Amino acid sequence: MDKNDTRMIENYEVISSIYIGDKELILGEDLNNPDGHSYMTCSGTRTEILEFYSDALVGDDYLEIAEIYANRLQEQIAKVKEERICNNVITAEMCDNKIWNDNLVGKILVVNPKYIRPEYRNEQSQIILCKGGNGAIPEGMGMSIFGQYCFSEEKCKYHRGQIMGELKREFYPMWLTKKLSVIEEIKNNPNIFGYNGQHFVGVGYLPGNYDTKGTLHNNDNPNMRVYDGGKYNYHEFYKASHNSYFDVFRCIEDGKIYVPAKNELFHYSGDFDAEKKQPEKQTKSKKHKEAER
């Protein structure tokens, strides 16, 4: 490497770095550090314009700093593995590449894996929904395609040449078929509402003899609890539901039934009524009517 290409973070020369997951892990040295802190490790994130650094640690023992660097790498690897549902890679044979004279908006496109970082080279990061861009229309003056990842729903941007084609329907993974079904249901049902990254619709009312044995703790999604750092809020849930009067809700994503409570959105396996039962009206008996005359 040319000396002019040496990467510096303040006075530390970067001697090792790897970008994995959502962070770049960096190891640096400054052998002339006046405090004897010759070694440094930190995390970095980049945008198209700027770089940001955080979690910096310095010390005089190279092996100690290198061990921290290695431990952070292991943590990032574990995080990416946890987010990954499969390791399937979509190939060009699974795509229709005779689409370039069509308007691509709304099509399910596939990114060539060679343009994706190694840890993300699988179908989760390849399949995108085209949302627009000059590269998405035949007469467009540019080559950019804007979209969102179908799995994470995060926004993305690719060059037209980085797209292999439209994913053939027979190669749709199960999670994609399910997600598209959810999107279609949400589009066609105005009563569906979103809360904490999921969608719900009211389906019924608890009976008068409601038994709490039908409720189970929601261990699937920590965000649907108050404790353990969850973001659930009973009043906000009902506010998101447009202040509906339902007691029982179905989650569109997983199809399960839930009951909102003060501190948790409980799983529910008990009975419920599809319609609100009104209290029976008090009718006067014949004797009472006779007495009133």
Protein backbone atom coordinates (compact mmCIF):
# COMPACT_ATOMS: atom_id res chain seq x y z
CA MET A 1 0.00 0.00 0.00
CA ASP A 2 1.25 3.45 -0.88
CA LYS A 3 2.07 5.56 2.21
CA ASN A 4 -0.37 8.18 0.96
CA ASP A 5 -3.14 5.54 1.11
CA THR A 6 -2.58 4.86 4.81
CA ARG A 7 -5.88 5.14 6.64
CA MET A 8 -5.75 7.17 9.83
CA ILE A 9 -8.26 7.64 12.65
CA GLU A 10 -6.89 10.62 14.54
CA ASN A 11 -3.26 9.55 15.20
CA TYR A 12 -3.92 5.82 14.91
CA GLU A 13 -2.98 3.97 11.73
CA VAL A 14 -5.53 1.31 10.83
CA ILE A 15 -3.71 -2.03 10.70
CA SER A 16 -6.75 -4.30 10.48
CA SER A 17 -10.44 -3.80 9.75
CA ILE A 18 -13.45 -5.83 8.71
CA TYR A 19 -17.00 -4.75 7.94
CA ILE A 20 -19.51 -7.35 9.09
CA GLY A 21 -23.17 -6.86 9.88
CA ASP A 22 -24.01 -3.25 10.66
CA LYS A 23 -20.51 -2.28 11.86
CA GLU A 24 -16.93 -2.02 10.73
CA LEU A 25 -14.50 -3.31 13.36
CA ILE A 26 -11.16 -1.52 13.41
CA LEU A 27 -7.76 -2.17 15.00
CA GLY A 28 -5.17 0.63 14.96
CA GLU A 29 -1.75 1.58 16.33
CA ASP A 30 0.05 4.78 17.29
CA LEU A 31 3.57 3.85 18.39
CA ASN A 32 4.35 7.47 19.27
CA ASN A 33 1.36 7.98 21.55
CA PRO A 34 2.52 10.28 24.39
CA ASP A 35 0.40 8.41 26.96
CA GLY A 36 1.66 5.00 25.94
CA HIS A 37 -1.75 4.04 24.54
CA SER A 38 -0.21 2.54 21.43
CA TYR A 39 -3.17 0.39 20.39
CA MET A 40 -6.81 1.13 19.72
CA THR A 41 -9.96 -0.67 18.65
CA CYS A 42 -13.28 0.91 17.71
CA SER A 43 -16.43 0.41 15.67
CA GLY A 44 -17.28 2.36 12.55
CA THR A 45 -20.36 2.98 10.42
CA ARG A 46 -20.45 4.62 7.01
CA THR A 47 -22.91 6.55 4.92
CA GLU A 48 -22.37 7.63 1.33
CA ILE A 49 -20.82 10.85 2.67
CA LEU A 50 -19.51 10.39 6.22
CA GLU A 51 -17.88 7.88 8.57
CA PHE A 52 -18.72 7.65 12.27
CA TYR A 53 -16.66 5.96 14.98
CA SER A 54 -17.75 4.72 18.41
CA ASP A 55 -16.89 2.29 21.24
CA ALA A 56 -13.21 3.22 21.11
CA LEU A 57 -10.85 1.55 23.58
CA VAL A 58 -7.11 2.20 23.87
CA GLY A 59 -4.29 0.51 25.75
CA ASP A 60 -0.62 -0.36 25.86
CA ASP A 61 -1.05 -4.13 25.50
CA TYR A 62 -1.52 -5.20 21.88
CA LEU A 63 -2.88 -8.66 22.74
CA GLU A 64 -5.45 -7.20 25.13
CA ILE A 65 -6.77 -4.76 22.52
CA ALA A 66 -6.60 -7.44 19.80
CA GLU A 67 -8.65 -9.77 22.03
CA ILE A 68 -11.36 -7.11 22.40
CA TYR A 69 -11.30 -6.65 18.62
CA ALA A 70 -11.70 -10.42 18.12
CA ASN A 71 -14.51 -10.66 20.68
CA ARG A 72 -16.43 -7.89 18.94
CA LEU A 73 -16.00 -9.75 15.67
CA GLN A 74 -17.50 -12.87 17.23
CA GLU A 75 -20.43 -10.83 18.56
CA GLN A 76 -21.12 -9.41 15.10
CA ILE A 77 -20.95 -12.88 13.52
CA ALA A 78 -23.43 -14.20 16.09
CA LYS A 79 -25.75 -11.26 15.44
CA VAL A 80 -25.79 -11.84 11.68
CA LYS A 81 -26.38 -15.58 12.19
CA GLU A 82 -29.32 -14.85 14.47
CA GLU A 83 -30.92 -12.61 11.83
CA ARG A 84 -30.41 -15.16 9.05
CA ILE A 85 -33.27 -17.60 8.39
CA CYS A 86 -31.52 -19.54 5.63
CA ASN A 87 -28.39 -19.65 3.52
CA ASN A 88 -30.08 -20.13 0.14
CA VAL A 89 -28.63 -18.10 -2.74
CA ILE A 90 -30.76 -17.20 -5.77
CA THR A 91 -29.03 -17.83 -9.09
CA ALA A 92 -29.53 -16.30 -12.53
CA GLU A 93 -31.43 -19.41 -13.71
CA MET A 94 -34.15 -18.63 -11.16
CA CYS A 95 -34.76 -15.18 -12.69
CA ASP A 96 -36.48 -13.81 -15.77
CA ASN A 97 -33.97 -11.46 -17.40
CA LYS A 98 -36.19 -10.54 -20.36
CA ILE A 99 -37.80 -7.67 -18.50
CA TRP A 100 -35.64 -4.70 -19.37
CA ASN A 101 -38.13 -3.19 -21.81
CA ASP A 102 -40.84 -3.29 -19.13
CA ASN A 103 -41.67 -0.91 -16.32
CA LEU A 104 -40.11 -2.63 -13.30
CA VAL A 105 -42.08 -0.79 -10.61
CA GLY A 106 -43.90 -3.33 -8.46
CA LYS A 107 -41.83 -6.29 -9.68
CA ILE A 108 -39.93 -8.66 -7.38
CA LEU A 109 -36.30 -8.25 -8.45
CA VAL A 110 -33.13 -10.13 -7.50
CA VAL A 111 -29.77 -8.55 -6.73
CA ASN A 112 -26.67 -10.30 -8.09
CA PRO A 113 -24.95 -11.78 -4.99
CA LYS A 114 -21.52 -10.52 -6.06
CA TYR A 115 -22.72 -6.99 -5.22
CA ILE A 116 -23.68 -8.01 -1.67
CA ARG A 117 -21.25 -8.33 1.24
CA PRO A 118 -20.33 -12.01 1.90
CA GLU A 119 -22.21 -12.35 5.20
CA TYR A 120 -25.43 -11.23 3.49
CA ARG A 121 -25.21 -13.33 0.32
CA ASN A 122 -28.53 -15.11 0.65
CA GLU A 123 -32.10 -14.69 -0.53
CA GLN A 124 -33.02 -12.40 2.38
CA SER A 125 -30.73 -9.70 0.99
CA GLN A 126 -31.22 -10.50 -2.69
CA ILE A 127 -34.98 -10.16 -3.09
CA ILE A 128 -36.25 -6.60 -3.39
CA LEU A 129 -39.52 -4.94 -4.37
CA CYS A 130 -38.92 -2.27 -7.02
CA LYS A 131 -40.43 1.07 -5.97
CA GLY A 132 -39.10 3.40 -8.66
CA GLY A 133 -36.05 5.18 -10.07
CA ASN A 134 -34.94 6.05 -13.60
CA GLY A 135 -33.42 2.60 -13.95
CA ALA A 136 -36.85 1.06 -13.42
CA ILE A 137 -38.38 2.49 -16.60
CA PRO A 138 -37.19 1.82 -20.17
CA GLU A 139 -37.08 5.49 -21.15
CA GLY A 140 -35.35 6.58 -17.93
CA MET A 141 -32.28 8.80 -18.20
CA GLY A 142 -30.52 7.17 -15.24
CA MET A 143 -29.66 3.70 -13.99
CA SER A 144 -30.71 3.83 -10.32
CA ILE A 145 -33.38 1.47 -9.02
CA PHE A 146 -35.02 2.29 -5.69
CA GLY A 147 -36.77 -0.37 -3.68
CA GLN A 148 -37.07 -2.15 -0.39
CA TYR A 149 -35.84 -5.50 0.80
CA CYS A 150 -38.84 -7.82 0.89
CA PHE A 151 -37.63 -9.56 4.04
CA SER A 152 -36.63 -6.62 6.26
CA GLU A 153 -38.72 -3.93 4.46
CA GLU A 154 -35.71 -1.58 4.67
CA LYS A 155 -35.15 0.83 1.79
CA CYS A 156 -32.39 0.10 -0.73
CA LYS A 157 -30.85 1.46 -3.91
CA TYR A 158 -29.09 -0.48 -6.68
CA HIS A 159 -27.68 0.12 -10.14
CA ARG A 160 -29.66 -1.46 -12.96
CA GLY A 161 -26.63 -3.58 -13.86
CA GLN A 162 -26.60 -5.12 -10.37
CA ILE A 163 -30.02 -6.72 -10.89
CA MET A 164 -30.15 -10.26 -12.32
CA GLY A 165 -33.83 -10.07 -13.24
CA GLU A 166 -37.32 -10.71 -11.92
CA LEU A 167 -37.68 -13.69 -9.60
CA LYS A 168 -39.71 -16.44 -11.24
CA ARG A 169 -42.82 -17.22 -9.24
CA GLU A 170 -42.00 -20.93 -8.92
CA PHE A 171 -38.89 -19.97 -6.96
CA TYR A 172 -40.64 -17.74 -4.43
CA PRO A 173 -39.50 -18.86 -0.96
CA MET A 174 -42.25 -19.59 1.54
CA TRP A 175 -41.52 -16.47 3.61
CA LEU A 176 -41.93 -14.28 0.50
CA THR A 177 -45.26 -15.86 -0.46
CA LYS A 178 -46.50 -15.30 3.07
CA LYS A 179 -45.25 -11.71 3.15
CA LEU A 180 -46.92 -10.85 -0.15
CA SER A 181 -50.14 -12.40 1.14
CA VAL A 182 -49.91 -10.17 4.21
CA ILE A 183 -49.32 -7.09 2.05
CA GLU A 184 -52.36 -7.95 -0.06
CA GLU A 185 -54.55 -8.47 3.01
CA ILE A 186 -53.41 -5.16 4.54
CA LYS A 187 -54.13 -3.35 1.28
CA ASN A 188 -57.66 -4.75 1.05
CA ASN A 189 -58.72 -4.38 4.69
CA PRO A 190 -58.87 -0.80 6.06
CA ASN A 191 -59.48 -2.15 9.59
CA ILE A 192 -55.96 -3.59 9.82
CA PHE A 193 -53.57 -1.41 11.82
CA GLY A 194 -49.86 -1.49 12.54
CA TYR A 195 -48.22 -1.60 15.95
CA ASN A 196 -44.55 -2.23 16.86
CA GLY A 197 -43.70 -3.66 13.46
CA GLN A 198 -46.68 -6.01 13.20
CA HIS A 199 -50.25 -5.68 11.92
CA PHE A 200 -53.48 -6.57 13.72
CA VAL A 201 -57.20 -6.66 13.15
CA GLY A 202 -59.97 -6.92 15.73
CA VAL A 203 -61.82 -10.21 15.55
CA GLY A 204 -63.98 -10.54 18.66
CA TYR A 205 -64.95 -10.00 22.26
CA LEU A 206 -64.19 -11.89 25.44
CA PRO A 207 -67.17 -13.79 26.84
CA GLY A 208 -68.62 -13.04 30.25
CA ASN A 209 -67.11 -16.26 31.60
CA TYR A 210 -63.65 -15.37 30.28
CA ASP A 211 -61.01 -17.71 31.71
CA THR A 212 -57.43 -16.42 32.00
CA LYS A 213 -56.19 -20.01 31.50
CA GLY A 214 -56.55 -19.32 27.79
CA THR A 215 -53.79 -16.70 27.89
CA LEU A 216 -50.09 -17.40 27.49
CA HIS A 217 -47.09 -15.09 27.87
CA ASN A 218 -45.84 -13.57 24.62
CA ASN A 219 -42.26 -14.85 24.61
CA ASP A 220 -42.04 -14.63 20.80
CA ASN A 221 -41.80 -10.86 20.67
CA PRO A 222 -40.21 -8.90 23.55
CA ASN A 223 -41.55 -5.65 22.08
CA MET A 224 -45.05 -6.77 22.99
CA ARG A 225 -44.25 -6.64 26.72
CA VAL A 226 -43.65 -3.79 29.17
CA TYR A 227 -40.94 -5.55 31.13
CA ASP A 228 -37.51 -6.67 29.85
CA GLY A 229 -37.15 -3.47 27.84
CA GLY A 230 -40.23 -4.08 25.70
CA LYS A 231 -42.03 -1.20 24.00
CA TYR A 232 -45.60 -2.36 24.50
CA ASN A 233 -48.16 0.12 25.81
CA TYR A 234 -51.79 -0.85 26.32
CA HIS A 235 -53.21 2.61 25.59
CA GLU A 236 -50.98 3.13 22.55
CA PHE A 237 -52.07 -0.25 21.17
CA TYR A 238 -55.72 0.76 21.34
CA LYS A 239 -54.89 4.19 19.96
CA ALA A 240 -53.25 2.50 16.97
CA SER A 241 -56.38 0.37 16.55
CA HIS A 242 -58.37 3.58 15.98
CA ASN A 243 -59.80 3.18 19.49
CA SER A 244 -61.69 0.02 18.59
CA TYR A 245 -63.80 -1.79 21.16
CA PHE A 246 -62.47 -5.25 20.36
CA ASP A 247 -60.99 -7.43 23.13
CA VAL A 248 -59.44 -10.01 20.81
CA PHE A 249 -57.09 -9.37 17.87
CA ARG A 250 -55.51 -11.46 15.14
CA CYS A 251 -51.92 -10.76 14.06
CA ILE A 252 -51.71 -10.67 10.27
CA GLU A 253 -48.08 -11.79 10.17
CA ASP A 254 -48.31 -14.95 12.29
CA GLY A 255 -52.08 -15.59 12.25
CA LYS A 256 -52.17 -15.97 16.04
CA ILE A 257 -54.84 -14.58 18.37
CA TYR A 258 -53.96 -12.01 21.05
CA VAL A 259 -55.58 -10.23 23.97
CA PRO A 260 -54.17 -6.83 25.07
CA ALA A 261 -53.57 -6.51 28.82
CA LYS A 262 -51.96 -3.82 30.95
CA ASN A 263 -48.37 -5.10 30.74
CA GLU A 264 -48.41 -7.49 27.81
CA LEU A 265 -50.10 -8.52 24.60
CA PHE A 266 -51.01 -12.09 25.56
CA HIS A 267 -51.39 -15.08 23.27
CA TYR A 268 -54.98 -16.31 23.56
CA SER A 269 -56.33 -19.81 22.87
CA GLY A 270 -59.74 -19.53 24.51
CA ASP A 271 -63.21 -18.88 23.13
CA PHE A 272 -64.43 -15.48 22.04
CA ASP A 273 -67.54 -13.98 20.52
CA ALA A 274 -67.46 -12.58 17.00
CA GLU A 275 -70.07 -9.97 17.92
CA LYS A 276 -70.58 -7.88 21.02
CA LYS A 277 -73.41 -9.31 23.07
CA GLN A 278 -75.65 -6.58 24.38
CA PRO A 279 -77.08 -6.94 27.90
CA GLU A 280 -80.60 -8.30 27.81
CA LYS A 281 -83.20 -5.57 28.18
CA GLN A 282 -85.27 -5.67 31.36
CA THR A 283 -88.85 -6.36 30.32
CA LYS A 284 -91.68 -5.79 32.70
CA SER A 285 -93.81 -8.75 33.60
CA LYS A 286 -97.57 -8.78 33.17
CA LYS A 287 -98.01 -8.42 36.94
CA HIS A 288 -95.87 -5.29 36.98
CA LYS A 289 -97.86 -3.81 34.13
CA GLU A 290 -101.10 -4.58 35.91
CA ALA A 291 -99.80 -2.96 39.08
CA GLU A 292 -98.98 0.24 37.23
CA ARG A 293 -102.48 0.67 35.88
